[in-house]
């Protein structure tokens, strides 16, 4: 019953916003934003659209974890990173669920959920994960700039449903809507490498991710050093596979310059030693 309730509320909210968006330009014609390309949803929702999209992701995560919020579990890495880790590895949750203090409710259904079902921690698998797809689909339709929604949707389709080609199509749509995002390229590369066994296509994705990360840094946008280290790991891995010692040395030097000591950096270092 909870899923139809959430979907109904979200649908009614969107319908009301669209109706309001049609009305406002007529009532406040001389005071509406004049920015080219600004949509009605942008004018009406603003940050609310992203909040709705994030809320749909949160509900999907709760279903995946058997009703337990993602915040109630200790994750070593981000959810998307867990799904696409190192070559030939899969999503694992060993030793990641230490008990955490209960967080205050953040949405109207928190109290109800806590009282009408047992919040035992379990994971969906196989065909059960199909139930998550409508949530992620709705999240990206509400906010096409929500990169995490694309990452998680592709992750479920590739890992749980074993449909890497469809997952790649989801990521390609995400890249079209977020052309400067490096992480979408990384996850596409991981699917090509781990699921499709297409090293050349994977390399192209990781190289584009490297370019996009560098461009963001040069534009003085906020950048994540760990994300670049992840890119460099795969570039080093593929350079090692094709015996390209020059590229391996170049990427290792970039990894050293980040000055991030982690298991991934240690793995890169070991590649250069053998």
Protein backbone atom coordinates (compact mmCIF):
# COMPACT_ATOMS: atom_id res chain seq x y z
CA UNK A 1 0.00 0.00 0.00
CA UNK A 2 2.87 2.36 0.67
CA UNK A 3 4.12 2.40 -2.94
CA UNK A 4 0.75 3.40 -4.47
CA UNK A 5 0.37 6.06 -1.78
CA UNK A 6 3.74 7.61 -2.60
CA UNK A 7 3.15 7.45 -6.33
CA UNK A 8 -0.30 9.01 -5.97
CA UNK A 9 1.00 11.86 -3.82
CA UNK A 10 3.92 12.51 -6.19
CA UNK A 11 1.61 12.46 -9.22
CA UNK A 12 -0.87 14.85 -7.62
CA UNK A 13 1.98 17.17 -6.62
CA UNK A 14 3.35 17.26 -10.15
CA UNK A 15 -0.12 17.80 -11.63
CA UNK A 16 -0.78 20.68 -9.26
CA UNK A 17 2.57 22.23 -10.10
CA UNK A 18 1.93 21.98 -13.83
CA UNK A 19 -1.49 23.58 -13.41
CA UNK A 20 0.07 26.34 -11.33
CA UNK A 21 2.74 26.77 -13.97
CA UNK A 22 0.08 27.31 -16.62
CA UNK A 23 -1.71 29.87 -14.47
CA UNK A 24 1.21 31.97 -13.24
CA UNK A 25 2.33 33.34 -16.63
CA UNK A 26 -1.17 34.66 -17.23
CA UNK A 27 -1.57 36.23 -13.80
CA UNK A 28 1.96 37.61 -13.49
CA UNK A 29 2.89 38.06 -17.15
CA UNK A 30 5.01 41.15 -16.50
CA UNK A 31 6.85 39.69 -13.50
CA UNK A 32 7.78 36.19 -14.66
CA UNK A 33 11.44 35.18 -15.18
CA UNK A 34 12.68 36.10 -18.65
CA UNK A 35 15.59 33.69 -18.81
CA UNK A 36 15.69 31.81 -22.11
CA UNK A 37 15.03 28.11 -21.75
CA UNK A 38 13.52 28.34 -18.28
CA UNK A 39 10.75 25.76 -18.06
CA UNK A 40 7.53 26.01 -16.10
CA UNK A 41 8.76 23.38 -13.67
CA UNK A 42 11.94 25.39 -13.13
CA UNK A 43 9.89 28.48 -12.39
CA UNK A 44 7.47 26.77 -10.03
CA UNK A 45 9.57 24.13 -8.32
CA UNK A 46 13.15 25.30 -8.25
CA UNK A 47 14.87 23.20 -5.64
CA UNK A 48 11.61 21.38 -4.86
CA UNK A 49 11.94 19.38 -8.08
CA UNK A 50 15.30 18.03 -6.96
CA UNK A 51 13.88 17.26 -3.52
CA UNK A 52 11.09 15.18 -5.08
CA UNK A 53 13.59 13.34 -7.26
CA UNK A 54 15.86 12.64 -4.27
CA UNK A 55 12.85 11.46 -2.28
CA UNK A 56 12.07 8.86 -4.94
CA UNK A 57 15.66 7.61 -4.76
CA UNK A 58 15.38 7.37 -0.99
CA UNK A 59 12.22 5.29 -1.20
CA UNK A 60 13.86 2.94 -3.72
CA UNK A 61 16.82 2.53 -1.36
CA UNK A 62 14.46 1.69 1.48
CA UNK A 63 12.79 -1.01 -0.63
CA UNK A 64 16.19 -2.38 -1.64
CA UNK A 65 17.25 -2.62 2.00
CA UNK A 66 13.97 -4.12 3.19
CA UNK A 67 12.48 -0.92 4.60
CA UNK A 68 15.64 0.31 6.31
CA UNK A 69 16.83 3.78 5.36
CA UNK A 70 20.22 4.01 3.72
CA UNK A 71 21.22 6.42 6.51
CA UNK A 72 20.72 3.61 9.03
CA UNK A 73 23.60 1.62 7.52
CA UNK A 74 27.31 2.40 7.48
CA UNK A 75 28.59 2.35 3.90
CA UNK A 76 32.28 2.30 3.13
CA UNK A 77 31.69 4.10 -0.14
CA UNK A 78 28.78 5.74 -1.96
CA UNK A 79 25.95 3.48 -3.08
CA UNK A 80 26.90 3.79 -6.73
CA UNK A 81 30.57 3.12 -5.98
CA UNK A 82 29.60 -0.08 -4.18
CA UNK A 83 27.81 -1.33 -7.28
CA UNK A 84 30.72 -0.53 -9.60
CA UNK A 85 33.90 -1.23 -7.65
CA UNK A 86 37.06 -2.77 -9.09
CA UNK A 87 37.26 -4.99 -12.19
CA UNK A 88 35.47 -8.33 -11.86
CA UNK A 89 33.94 -7.49 -8.47
CA UNK A 90 30.31 -7.21 -7.48
CA UNK A 91 28.26 -5.33 -4.92
CA UNK A 92 29.07 -6.51 -1.39
CA UNK A 93 27.77 -5.48 2.01
CA UNK A 94 29.95 -7.45 4.40
CA UNK A 95 30.57 -5.75 7.75
CA UNK A 96 28.88 -2.55 6.63
CA UNK A 97 25.75 -2.56 8.79
CA UNK A 98 26.90 -1.51 12.24
CA UNK A 99 24.09 -0.30 14.47
CA UNK A 100 23.49 3.44 14.27
CA UNK A 101 21.34 5.75 16.42
CA UNK A 102 17.90 6.26 14.94
CA UNK A 103 17.68 9.51 12.99
CA UNK A 104 14.71 11.88 13.41
CA UNK A 105 11.98 11.36 10.79
CA UNK A 106 12.56 13.40 7.65
CA UNK A 107 9.40 12.69 5.64
CA UNK A 108 5.70 12.23 6.37
CA UNK A 109 5.86 8.44 6.00
CA UNK A 110 8.73 7.83 8.43
CA UNK A 111 6.58 7.36 11.51
CA UNK A 112 4.05 5.19 9.65
CA UNK A 113 6.74 2.98 8.12
CA UNK A 114 8.38 2.46 11.48
CA UNK A 115 5.14 1.31 13.09
CA UNK A 116 3.41 -0.82 10.49
CA UNK A 117 6.17 -3.16 9.39
CA UNK A 118 9.28 -4.79 10.76
CA UNK A 119 12.36 -2.93 9.56
CA UNK A 120 14.47 -6.05 9.22
CA UNK A 121 17.45 -5.50 6.94
CA UNK A 122 17.22 -7.55 3.76
CA UNK A 123 18.14 -6.98 0.14
CA UNK A 124 16.14 -7.53 -3.01
CA UNK A 125 17.74 -9.71 -5.63
CA UNK A 126 17.09 -10.82 -9.17
CA UNK A 127 13.58 -10.15 -10.38
CA UNK A 128 12.58 -8.46 -7.11
CA UNK A 129 14.85 -5.56 -7.99
CA UNK A 130 12.51 -4.82 -10.90
CA UNK A 131 10.31 -3.03 -8.34
CA UNK A 132 12.98 -0.35 -7.96
CA UNK A 133 13.04 0.67 -11.62
CA UNK A 134 9.82 2.79 -11.58
CA UNK A 135 11.19 4.86 -8.70
CA UNK A 136 14.46 5.60 -10.49
CA UNK A 137 12.65 6.20 -13.78
CA UNK A 138 10.38 8.73 -12.07
CA UNK A 139 13.38 10.35 -10.37
CA UNK A 140 15.17 11.06 -13.64
CA UNK A 141 11.98 12.22 -15.34
CA UNK A 142 11.29 14.72 -12.57
CA UNK A 143 14.91 15.94 -12.55
CA UNK A 144 17.09 14.93 -15.53
CA UNK A 145 20.06 16.57 -13.79
CA UNK A 146 19.91 14.06 -10.95
CA UNK A 147 23.04 12.07 -11.79
CA UNK A 148 22.65 9.72 -8.83
CA UNK A 149 19.27 8.54 -10.15
CA UNK A 150 20.87 7.52 -13.45
CA UNK A 151 23.74 5.77 -11.66
CA UNK A 152 21.47 3.77 -9.38
CA UNK A 153 19.00 2.88 -12.12
CA UNK A 154 21.81 1.60 -14.34
CA UNK A 155 23.33 -0.26 -11.41
CA UNK A 156 20.14 -2.18 -10.67
CA UNK A 157 19.55 -3.00 -14.34
CA UNK A 158 23.13 -4.19 -14.89
CA UNK A 159 23.88 -5.92 -11.59
CA UNK A 160 20.54 -7.25 -10.41
CA UNK A 161 18.64 -7.76 -13.68
CA UNK A 162 21.75 -8.69 -15.68
CA UNK A 163 20.90 -6.40 -18.60
CA UNK A 164 24.08 -4.41 -19.23
CA UNK A 165 23.01 -3.15 -22.66
CA UNK A 166 19.89 -1.52 -21.18
CA UNK A 167 21.96 -0.09 -18.34
CA UNK A 168 24.28 1.50 -20.88
CA UNK A 169 21.31 3.15 -22.60
CA UNK A 170 20.26 4.66 -19.26
CA UNK A 171 23.77 6.01 -18.70
CA UNK A 172 23.93 7.39 -22.24
CA UNK A 173 20.74 9.33 -21.58
CA UNK A 174 22.26 10.61 -18.35
CA UNK A 175 25.37 11.72 -20.22
CA UNK A 176 23.27 13.59 -22.78
CA UNK A 177 21.46 15.42 -19.98
CA UNK A 178 24.64 15.94 -17.92
CA UNK A 179 27.43 16.24 -20.50
CA UNK A 180 30.04 17.44 -18.05
CA UNK A 181 29.63 14.66 -15.49
CA UNK A 182 32.57 12.27 -15.20
CA UNK A 183 30.94 9.67 -12.97
CA UNK A 184 28.39 8.63 -15.58
CA UNK A 185 31.28 7.92 -17.95
CA UNK A 186 33.04 5.87 -15.26
CA UNK A 187 30.06 3.64 -14.65
CA UNK A 188 29.54 3.15 -18.38
CA UNK A 189 33.19 2.14 -18.61
CA UNK A 190 32.75 -0.33 -15.75
CA UNK A 191 29.84 -2.00 -17.53
CA UNK A 192 31.83 -2.26 -20.76
CA UNK A 193 34.78 -3.69 -18.84
CA UNK A 194 33.11 -6.02 -16.34
CA UNK A 195 29.89 -7.02 -18.11
CA UNK A 196 30.51 -6.62 -21.82
CA UNK A 197 34.24 -7.46 -21.73
CA UNK A 198 34.90 -4.68 -24.22
CA UNK A 199 38.17 -3.09 -23.13
CA UNK A 200 38.38 -0.59 -25.99
CA UNK A 201 34.91 0.83 -25.31
CA UNK A 202 35.70 0.92 -21.59
CA UNK A 203 38.95 2.79 -22.24
CA UNK A 204 37.10 5.42 -24.28
CA UNK A 205 34.70 5.99 -21.37
CA UNK A 206 37.47 6.31 -18.79
CA UNK A 207 39.43 8.67 -21.03
CA UNK A 208 36.35 10.88 -21.43
CA UNK A 209 35.86 10.81 -17.67
CA UNK A 210 39.48 11.90 -17.23
CA UNK A 211 38.99 14.81 -19.65
CA UNK A 212 35.75 15.90 -17.97
CA UNK A 213 37.30 15.80 -14.50
CA UNK A 214 40.25 17.88 -15.73
CA UNK A 215 37.97 20.39 -17.44
CA UNK A 216 35.95 20.80 -14.24
CA UNK A 217 39.16 21.42 -12.30
CA UNK A 218 40.36 23.98 -14.83
CA UNK A 219 36.99 25.73 -14.63
CA UNK A 220 37.51 25.91 -10.85
CA UNK A 221 34.40 23.82 -10.24
CA UNK A 222 34.30 21.62 -7.12
CA UNK A 223 36.11 18.38 -7.93
CA UNK A 224 36.50 15.11 -6.03
CA UNK A 225 40.04 13.77 -5.76
CA UNK A 226 38.76 10.29 -4.92
CA UNK A 227 36.74 10.31 -8.14
CA UNK A 228 39.86 11.08 -10.16
CA UNK A 229 41.73 8.32 -8.34
CA UNK A 230 38.97 5.95 -9.37
CA UNK A 231 39.37 7.06 -13.00
CA UNK A 232 43.13 6.65 -12.79
CA UNK A 233 42.78 3.16 -11.34
CA UNK A 234 40.89 1.97 -14.40
CA UNK A 235 43.20 3.80 -16.80
CA UNK A 236 46.19 2.17 -15.11
CA UNK A 237 44.49 -1.22 -15.12
CA UNK A 238 43.84 -1.05 -18.86
CA UNK A 239 47.32 0.35 -19.56
CA UNK A 240 48.75 -2.61 -17.65
CA UNK A 241 46.60 -5.02 -19.69
CA UNK A 242 47.96 -3.68 -22.98
CA UNK A 243 51.55 -3.31 -21.67
CA UNK A 244 51.54 0.47 -22.19
CA UNK A 245 54.23 1.35 -19.66
CA UNK A 246 54.37 5.01 -20.72
CA UNK A 247 50.65 5.54 -20.02
CA UNK A 248 50.89 3.55 -16.80
CA UNK A 249 53.73 5.74 -15.55
CA UNK A 250 51.91 8.93 -16.55
CA UNK A 251 48.70 7.97 -14.77
CA UNK A 252 50.62 6.78 -11.71
CA UNK A 253 52.30 10.19 -11.48
CA UNK A 254 48.86 11.84 -11.53
CA UNK A 255 47.70 9.49 -8.78
CA UNK A 256 50.73 10.39 -6.67
CA UNK A 257 50.02 14.10 -7.15
CA UNK A 258 46.58 13.65 -5.59
CA UNK A 259 48.28 12.60 -2.33
CA UNK A 260 45.42 10.28 -1.37
CA UNK A 261 46.47 7.18 0.54
CA UNK A 262 43.87 4.46 0.02
CA UNK A 263 43.47 0.88 -1.10
CA UNK A 264 42.90 2.06 -4.64
CA UNK A 265 46.16 4.04 -4.67
CA UNK A 266 48.00 1.02 -3.27
CA UNK A 267 46.56 -1.09 -6.11
CA UNK A 268 47.78 1.45 -8.67
CA UNK A 269 51.22 1.44 -7.06
CA UNK A 270 51.42 -2.35 -7.23
CA UNK A 271 50.60 -2.26 -10.95
CA UNK A 272 53.73 -0.21 -11.55
CA UNK A 273 55.92 -2.60 -9.57
CA UNK A 274 55.25 -5.75 -11.58
